[in-house]
């Protein structure tokens, strides 16, 4: 199906600026939370053709190559993030806590609503922040505090006092460390809404999840601020109605159901827009509560929608709505639920960089590169990451 030895295509469009050297950046680490849009190996499923373009093998990334978070790391002069579950990894420059299929909300939320089917990765926002909080002392805690062993056994009162001093010192060390780190919180929400949609719930009922999801993300952000984070990026959900999987499974007979210019399903995009509006309100609330902290919204919805409106503007000659890795299905989106990417019957398109969609749900490396450009240099993160990270 795929030749693992094939050379990756050479991208000339929207290359990230190479003049931003690590010495000119103030970020000492990058931490990421989210789902399959940014998981770099906490969950590894299948094999090639995933990873074929850049890595030459599947690394757990849901793409042919690098993700947005990989390009962000490169853009600020840091290495690609190791998954937090990696053994013997060095997390001093950052870690990735995202998991494929992770919902923002805990499983209990869905069990109570009879939507347990399909849930399999219980890695909610709070679960991921819990993992981060447990890992943090090993990254930034005082070495003296970690290695301290009394030569004798002083009174318990003195040990308690020493422990308090060391904990305070470690906490101060970590707050200082995080104040010089970039933290990306999301995307979260896509798997929450798909749980309801695939469970057969009407969109009006699925939309009732949105306030819960946005609040969970806000609570996660607030916990991270409490640990010392002062520079956070919070991505929106994608326009679901522009994804080939949903366009295939939930097609409509009425042409009015589709955007006249984008070809996306209006009702699904309305759900995504509703989530993003609630998320922005939560961000605005937190920004007022923590004026010394930068909490920036990354508008992936607008980016993907712009791809659909004018794909040629970005070099996507195959458009934004046709899957690269897939098989012909009921419609023209090259998505077939019975021959998904990496399954028998699927094939990879000849020019991956001409496509936005990789497998019907996730994007190609070419699309990730351009999205990251919009975060690093604007206008989809305001102010852009690079403009605020130069020392």
Protein backbone atom coordinates (compact mmCIF):
# COMPACT_ATOMS: atom_id res chain seq x y z
CA UNK A 1 0.00 0.00 0.00
CA UNK A 2 2.79 2.41 0.92
CA UNK A 3 6.48 2.45 0.10
CA UNK A 4 8.18 3.24 3.46
CA UNK A 5 11.30 4.30 1.58
CA UNK A 6 9.60 7.00 -0.45
CA UNK A 7 11.14 10.39 0.06
CA UNK A 8 9.08 13.06 1.78
CA UNK A 9 7.83 15.90 -0.43
CA UNK A 10 9.68 19.19 -0.26
CA UNK A 11 7.43 21.96 0.98
CA UNK A 12 8.17 25.44 -0.32
CA UNK A 13 5.05 27.17 0.93
CA UNK A 14 4.66 28.69 4.37
CA UNK A 15 8.02 27.53 5.71
CA UNK A 16 8.59 28.50 9.30
CA UNK A 17 11.06 31.30 9.77
CA UNK A 18 14.47 29.81 10.49
CA UNK A 19 15.96 33.01 11.87
CA UNK A 20 14.40 32.55 15.32
CA UNK A 21 17.24 30.93 17.25
CA UNK A 22 16.84 29.30 20.61
CA UNK A 23 19.15 31.90 22.14
CA UNK A 24 16.64 34.62 21.24
CA UNK A 25 13.70 32.85 22.85
CA UNK A 26 12.62 33.16 26.43
CA UNK A 27 10.82 29.80 26.59
CA UNK A 28 12.74 27.11 28.41
CA UNK A 29 10.09 24.41 27.95
CA UNK A 30 6.83 23.57 26.18
CA UNK A 31 3.96 21.58 27.68
CA UNK A 32 0.92 20.35 25.81
CA UNK A 33 -2.48 18.92 26.75
CA UNK A 34 -5.19 17.66 24.41
CA UNK A 35 -6.36 14.81 22.19
CA UNK A 36 -5.41 13.18 18.88
CA UNK A 37 -4.73 16.54 17.23
CA UNK A 38 -1.60 16.87 19.35
CA UNK A 39 -0.75 13.43 20.82
CA UNK A 40 2.89 12.64 20.00
CA UNK A 41 2.94 9.07 21.24
CA UNK A 42 0.99 8.49 24.44
CA UNK A 43 -1.28 6.23 22.37
CA UNK A 44 0.26 4.40 19.40
CA UNK A 45 -2.17 2.65 17.07
CA UNK A 46 -1.48 0.98 13.74
CA UNK A 47 1.52 1.78 11.59
CA UNK A 48 2.42 3.19 8.19
CA UNK A 49 1.26 5.20 6.32
CA UNK A 50 0.92 7.25 9.53
CA UNK A 51 4.22 9.05 10.00
CA UNK A 52 5.48 8.32 6.47
CA UNK A 53 6.25 11.88 5.39
CA UNK A 54 8.66 12.98 8.10
CA UNK A 55 9.41 10.19 10.55
CA UNK A 56 9.34 7.19 8.23
CA UNK A 57 7.39 5.20 10.83
CA UNK A 58 4.29 5.64 12.98
CA UNK A 59 5.01 7.55 16.18
CA UNK A 60 1.47 7.84 17.51
CA UNK A 61 0.81 11.06 15.60
CA UNK A 62 -2.47 11.08 13.68
CA UNK A 63 -0.99 12.46 10.48
CA UNK A 64 1.45 11.63 7.71
CA UNK A 65 4.08 13.69 9.54
CA UNK A 66 4.46 16.44 12.09
CA UNK A 67 1.64 18.08 14.03
CA UNK A 68 1.02 21.72 14.93
CA UNK A 69 2.67 21.18 18.33
CA UNK A 70 5.81 19.83 16.58
CA UNK A 71 6.09 22.97 14.45
CA UNK A 72 5.49 25.17 17.49
CA UNK A 73 8.36 23.41 19.28
CA UNK A 74 10.61 23.88 16.27
CA UNK A 75 9.56 27.51 15.94
CA UNK A 76 10.56 28.39 19.51
CA UNK A 77 13.79 26.44 19.35
CA UNK A 78 12.79 23.40 21.41
CA UNK A 79 12.83 19.66 20.60
CA UNK A 80 9.71 17.71 19.70
CA UNK A 81 7.78 16.87 22.85
CA UNK A 82 8.17 13.38 24.29
CA UNK A 83 4.92 11.75 25.42
CA UNK A 84 4.65 11.84 29.19
CA UNK A 85 4.31 8.04 29.25
CA UNK A 86 7.71 7.56 27.58
CA UNK A 87 10.24 5.61 29.62
CA UNK A 88 13.66 7.13 30.31
CA UNK A 89 12.68 10.35 28.52
CA UNK A 90 14.12 13.75 29.35
CA UNK A 91 11.29 16.14 30.18
CA UNK A 92 13.46 19.16 31.02
CA UNK A 93 12.41 20.89 27.78
CA UNK A 94 8.79 19.85 28.02
CA UNK A 95 6.33 16.98 27.80
CA UNK A 96 3.12 16.06 26.02
CA UNK A 97 0.09 14.93 28.03
CA UNK A 98 -2.35 14.66 25.10
CA UNK A 99 -4.01 11.30 24.39
CA UNK A 100 -5.75 10.08 21.26
CA UNK A 101 -9.54 9.94 21.87
CA UNK A 102 -9.29 11.96 25.10
CA UNK A 103 -12.49 13.82 26.03
CA UNK A 104 -12.40 16.99 28.08
CA UNK A 105 -14.87 15.55 30.57
CA UNK A 106 -14.45 12.44 32.75
CA UNK A 107 -16.11 9.16 31.81
CA UNK A 108 -18.63 9.55 34.63
CA UNK A 109 -20.27 12.40 32.74
CA UNK A 110 -21.06 10.04 29.85
CA UNK A 111 -21.87 6.98 31.95
CA UNK A 112 -24.59 9.01 33.66
CA UNK A 113 -26.07 9.83 30.23
CA UNK A 114 -25.94 6.31 28.82
CA UNK A 115 -23.12 7.14 26.42
CA UNK A 116 -20.46 4.69 27.54
CA UNK A 117 -20.08 2.99 24.17
CA UNK A 118 -16.96 4.08 22.36
CA UNK A 119 -15.18 5.56 25.38
CA UNK A 120 -11.76 4.02 25.87
CA UNK A 121 -9.17 6.65 26.93
CA UNK A 122 -10.07 8.22 30.27
CA UNK A 123 -7.70 11.17 29.95
CA UNK A 124 -9.86 14.19 30.72
CA UNK A 125 -8.50 17.70 31.22
CA UNK A 126 -8.18 17.14 34.96
CA UNK A 127 -6.57 13.73 34.51
CA UNK A 128 -3.93 15.25 32.23
CA UNK A 129 -3.25 18.11 34.63
CA UNK A 130 -2.96 15.54 37.43
CA UNK A 131 -0.25 13.76 35.42
CA UNK A 132 1.53 17.05 34.86
CA UNK A 133 1.39 17.98 38.53
CA UNK A 134 2.93 14.63 39.50
CA UNK A 135 5.71 14.92 36.92
CA UNK A 136 6.55 18.57 37.59
CA UNK A 137 8.74 18.18 40.73
CA UNK A 138 11.05 15.81 38.86
CA UNK A 139 11.62 18.51 36.24
CA UNK A 140 11.96 21.70 38.23
CA UNK A 141 12.12 20.76 41.92
CA UNK A 142 15.24 21.79 43.79
CA UNK A 143 17.96 19.09 43.47
CA UNK A 144 18.82 19.73 47.10
CA UNK A 145 15.20 19.07 48.01
CA UNK A 146 14.99 15.85 45.97
CA UNK A 147 18.26 14.44 47.30
CA UNK A 148 18.03 15.63 50.89
CA UNK A 149 18.59 12.82 53.39
CA UNK A 150 19.34 13.70 57.04
CA UNK A 151 22.51 12.15 58.43
CA UNK A 152 20.78 11.54 61.75
CA UNK A 153 17.21 11.48 62.91
CA UNK A 154 16.33 14.83 64.49
CA UNK A 155 13.05 15.36 66.31
CA UNK A 156 9.93 14.99 64.21
CA UNK A 157 9.16 18.69 64.69
CA UNK A 158 12.45 19.61 62.98
CA UNK A 159 11.83 17.16 60.13
CA UNK A 160 8.41 18.71 59.57
CA UNK A 161 9.98 22.17 59.47
CA UNK A 162 12.70 21.05 57.03
CA UNK A 163 10.11 19.38 54.83
CA UNK A 164 8.05 22.57 54.75
CA UNK A 165 11.10 24.65 53.80
CA UNK A 166 12.07 22.22 51.02
CA UNK A 167 8.52 22.04 49.66
CA UNK A 168 8.29 25.84 49.57
CA UNK A 169 11.64 26.05 47.81
CA UNK A 170 10.65 23.39 45.26
CA UNK A 171 7.34 25.17 44.66
CA UNK A 172 9.16 28.45 44.05
CA UNK A 173 11.59 26.72 41.67
CA UNK A 174 8.70 25.23 39.67
CA UNK A 175 6.76 28.49 39.53
CA UNK A 176 9.85 30.22 38.16
CA UNK A 177 10.38 27.40 35.66
CA UNK A 178 6.77 27.50 34.44
CA UNK A 179 6.83 31.29 34.18
CA UNK A 180 9.39 30.78 31.38
CA UNK A 181 7.49 27.97 29.66
CA UNK A 182 4.78 27.92 27.01
CA UNK A 183 1.69 25.84 27.83
CA UNK A 184 -0.81 24.72 25.18
CA UNK A 185 -4.19 23.59 26.56
CA UNK A 186 -6.16 21.83 23.87
CA UNK A 187 -7.78 21.22 21.53
CA UNK A 188 -10.40 19.73 23.84
CA UNK A 189 -14.02 19.01 23.01
CA UNK A 190 -13.97 17.16 19.69
CA UNK A 191 -14.23 13.76 21.34
CA UNK A 192 -16.89 14.94 23.77
CA UNK A 193 -19.21 16.00 20.97
CA UNK A 194 -18.45 12.95 18.81
CA UNK A 195 -19.45 10.74 21.76
CA UNK A 196 -22.91 12.28 21.68
CA UNK A 197 -23.16 12.43 17.87
CA UNK A 198 -22.03 8.83 17.33
CA UNK A 199 -24.34 7.83 20.18
CA UNK A 200 -27.28 9.02 18.09
CA UNK A 201 -28.13 12.13 20.08
CA UNK A 202 -29.61 15.10 18.19
CA UNK A 203 -27.25 18.07 17.85
CA UNK A 204 -29.50 20.24 20.00
CA UNK A 205 -28.95 17.79 22.86
CA UNK A 206 -25.23 17.32 22.15
CA UNK A 207 -24.79 21.09 22.33
CA UNK A 208 -25.76 20.90 26.02
CA UNK A 209 -22.26 19.45 26.63
CA UNK A 210 -20.61 22.71 25.55
CA UNK A 211 -20.85 24.66 28.84
CA UNK A 212 -19.50 21.63 30.73
CA UNK A 213 -16.59 21.21 28.30
CA UNK A 214 -15.65 24.89 28.30
CA UNK A 215 -15.81 25.00 32.09
CA UNK A 216 -13.58 21.88 32.37
CA UNK A 217 -10.98 23.50 30.11
CA UNK A 218 -11.16 26.70 32.17
CA UNK A 219 -10.69 24.72 35.39
CA UNK A 220 -7.65 23.04 33.88
CA UNK A 221 -6.21 26.41 32.87
CA UNK A 222 -6.78 27.77 36.36
CA UNK A 223 -4.99 24.80 37.92
CA UNK A 224 -2.02 25.35 35.61
CA UNK A 225 -1.93 29.04 36.53
CA UNK A 226 -1.87 28.00 40.17
CA UNK A 227 1.19 25.88 39.43
CA UNK A 228 2.96 28.86 37.88
CA UNK A 229 1.97 28.98 34.20
CA UNK A 230 1.80 32.56 32.89
CA UNK A 231 1.78 32.05 29.09
CA UNK A 232 -0.96 29.78 27.74
CA UNK A 233 -2.39 29.05 24.29
CA UNK A 234 -5.95 27.65 24.16
CA UNK A 235 -7.02 26.28 20.75
CA UNK A 236 -10.59 26.16 19.49
CA UNK A 237 -12.24 23.03 18.16
CA UNK A 238 -12.20 22.49 14.40
CA UNK A 239 -15.22 23.21 12.18
CA UNK A 240 -16.64 19.69 12.40
CA UNK A 241 -18.81 20.22 9.34
CA UNK A 242 -15.68 20.58 7.19
CA UNK A 243 -14.21 17.17 8.11
CA UNK A 244 -14.64 14.41 5.47
CA UNK A 245 -15.65 11.80 8.06
CA UNK A 246 -18.66 13.84 9.15
CA UNK A 247 -19.45 15.00 5.60
CA UNK A 248 -19.66 11.34 4.59
CA UNK A 249 -21.57 9.95 7.58
CA UNK A 250 -24.02 12.83 8.01
CA UNK A 251 -24.63 13.96 4.45
CA UNK A 252 -27.77 15.95 3.70
CA UNK A 253 -30.05 15.90 0.66
CA UNK A 254 -30.89 19.58 0.91
CA UNK A 255 -28.17 21.74 -0.69
CA UNK A 256 -29.06 24.51 1.76
CA UNK A 257 -27.51 22.38 4.52
CA UNK A 258 -24.07 23.13 3.02
CA UNK A 259 -22.12 26.37 2.91
CA UNK A 260 -22.31 27.79 -0.60
CA UNK A 261 -18.60 28.67 -0.64
CA UNK A 262 -17.10 26.15 1.78
CA UNK A 263 -19.15 23.02 1.07
CA UNK A 264 -19.18 22.32 4.82
CA UNK A 265 -22.21 21.13 6.77
CA UNK A 266 -23.74 24.16 8.45
CA UNK A 267 -25.43 22.40 11.38
CA UNK A 268 -22.22 20.68 12.51
CA UNK A 269 -20.22 23.88 12.20
CA UNK A 270 -22.84 25.64 14.30
CA UNK A 271 -22.11 23.18 17.12
CA UNK A 272 -18.36 23.89 16.84
CA UNK A 273 -19.01 27.63 16.76
CA UNK A 274 -21.19 27.38 19.86
CA UNK A 275 -18.42 25.57 21.74
CA UNK A 276 -15.82 28.12 20.67
CA UNK A 277 -17.99 31.04 21.74
CA UNK A 278 -18.34 29.53 25.22
CA UNK A 279 -14.62 28.80 25.38
CA UNK A 280 -13.78 32.40 24.52
CA UNK A 281 -16.07 33.64 27.27
CA UNK A 282 -14.24 31.43 29.76
CA UNK A 283 -10.88 32.72 28.51
CA UNK A 284 -12.06 36.32 28.82
CA UNK A 285 -13.25 35.63 32.36
CA UNK A 286 -9.94 34.11 33.38
CA UNK A 287 -7.96 36.88 31.71
CA UNK A 288 -9.78 39.45 33.83
CA UNK A 289 -9.24 37.34 36.95
CA UNK A 290 -5.51 36.90 36.20
CA UNK A 291 -4.40 40.11 34.45
CA UNK A 292 -0.70 39.27 34.78
CA UNK A 293 -1.18 35.99 32.87
CA UNK A 294 -1.40 35.76 29.06
CA UNK A 295 -4.21 33.41 27.96
CA UNK A 296 -4.39 33.46 24.17
CA UNK A 297 -7.04 31.89 21.97
CA UNK A 298 -5.83 29.93 18.91
CA UNK A 299 -8.55 30.10 16.27
CA UNK A 300 -8.18 26.78 14.47
CA UNK A 301 -11.85 26.98 13.46
CA UNK A 302 -11.18 30.08 11.34
CA UNK A 303 -8.01 28.58 9.88
CA UNK A 304 -9.64 25.34 8.70
CA UNK A 305 -12.70 27.18 7.47
CA UNK A 306 -10.47 29.48 5.42
CA UNK A 307 -8.81 26.39 3.92
CA UNK A 308 -12.27 25.23 2.82
CA UNK A 309 -13.24 28.64 1.41
CA UNK A 310 -10.05 29.17 -0.60
CA UNK A 311 -7.81 26.08 -0.62
CA UNK A 312 -5.70 27.27 -3.57
CA UNK A 313 -4.63 30.31 -1.53
CA UNK A 314 -2.64 27.85 0.60
CA UNK A 315 -1.53 25.51 -2.16
CA UNK A 316 -4.13 22.82 -1.50
CA UNK A 317 -4.83 21.86 -5.10
CA UNK A 318 -6.94 18.86 -4.01
CA UNK A 319 -9.12 21.05 -1.82
CA UNK A 320 -9.93 20.89 1.87
CA UNK A 321 -12.74 18.34 1.94
CA UNK A 322 -11.21 15.29 0.24
CA UNK A 323 -9.26 12.75 2.28
CA UNK A 324 -5.74 11.84 1.15
CA UNK A 325 -5.43 8.47 2.90
CA UNK A 326 -8.67 6.57 2.43
CA UNK A 327 -10.91 4.86 -0.09
CA UNK A 328 -13.93 5.82 -2.20
CA UNK A 329 -17.16 5.83 -0.24
CA UNK A 330 -20.75 6.88 -0.72
CA UNK A 331 -19.72 10.44 -1.58
CA UNK A 332 -16.83 12.31 -3.16
CA UNK A 333 -14.75 12.82 0.00
CA UNK A 334 -12.61 9.64 -0.39
CA UNK A 335 -13.62 8.45 3.06
CA UNK A 336 -14.90 4.94 3.65
CA UNK A 337 -15.66 3.73 7.14
CA UNK A 338 -14.83 0.16 6.06
CA UNK A 339 -11.47 1.06 4.50
CA UNK A 340 -10.02 3.74 6.74
CA UNK A 341 -6.45 4.91 6.47
CA UNK A 342 -3.96 2.08 7.27
CA UNK A 343 -6.67 -0.54 6.69
CA UNK A 344 -6.98 -2.95 3.77
CA UNK A 345 -8.41 -1.22 0.72
CA UNK A 346 -7.16 2.25 1.56
CA UNK A 347 -4.55 4.09 -0.48
CA UNK A 348 -2.48 7.24 -0.08
CA UNK A 349 -2.84 10.07 -2.56
CA UNK A 350 0.10 10.87 -4.84
CA UNK A 351 0.53 14.45 -3.58
CA UNK A 352 -0.10 14.61 0.16
CA UNK A 353 0.80 18.29 0.44
CA UNK A 354 -2.08 19.15 -1.92
CA UNK A 355 -4.58 17.97 0.72
CA UNK A 356 -5.79 19.42 4.01
CA UNK A 357 -7.31 16.18 5.30
CA UNK A 358 -5.07 13.19 5.93
CA UNK A 359 -7.49 10.47 7.09
CA UNK A 360 -10.89 12.16 7.15
CA UNK A 361 -10.59 13.45 10.70
CA UNK A 362 -6.98 14.58 11.08
CA UNK A 363 -4.85 16.83 8.90
CA UNK A 364 -1.76 16.47 6.77
CA UNK A 365 1.65 17.73 7.81
CA UNK A 366 1.26 20.47 5.17
CA UNK A 367 -1.89 21.75 6.88
CA UNK A 368 -0.31 21.51 10.33
CA UNK A 369 2.66 23.56 9.12
CA UNK A 370 0.44 26.38 7.90
CA UNK A 371 -1.69 26.35 11.06
CA UNK A 372 1.46 26.60 13.19
CA UNK A 373 2.62 29.53 11.07
CA UNK A 374 -0.61 31.30 11.98
CA UNK A 375 0.16 30.79 15.67
CA UNK A 376 3.84 31.66 15.56
CA UNK A 377 3.58 34.75 13.36
CA UNK A 378 -0.14 35.55 13.42
CA UNK A 379 -2.90 36.32 12.83
CA UNK A 380 -4.63 33.31 14.41
CA UNK A 381 -2.98 33.82 17.79
CA UNK A 382 -2.93 37.39 18.99
CA UNK A 383 -0.32 38.46 19.84
CA UNK A 384 1.62 35.81 17.91
CA UNK A 385 3.85 33.44 19.86
CA UNK A 386 7.11 34.67 18.39
CA UNK A 387 6.30 38.33 18.87
CA UNK A 388 5.87 37.77 22.60
CA UNK A 389 8.67 35.28 23.20
CA UNK A 390 11.67 37.26 22.03
CA UNK A 391 13.85 38.48 24.83
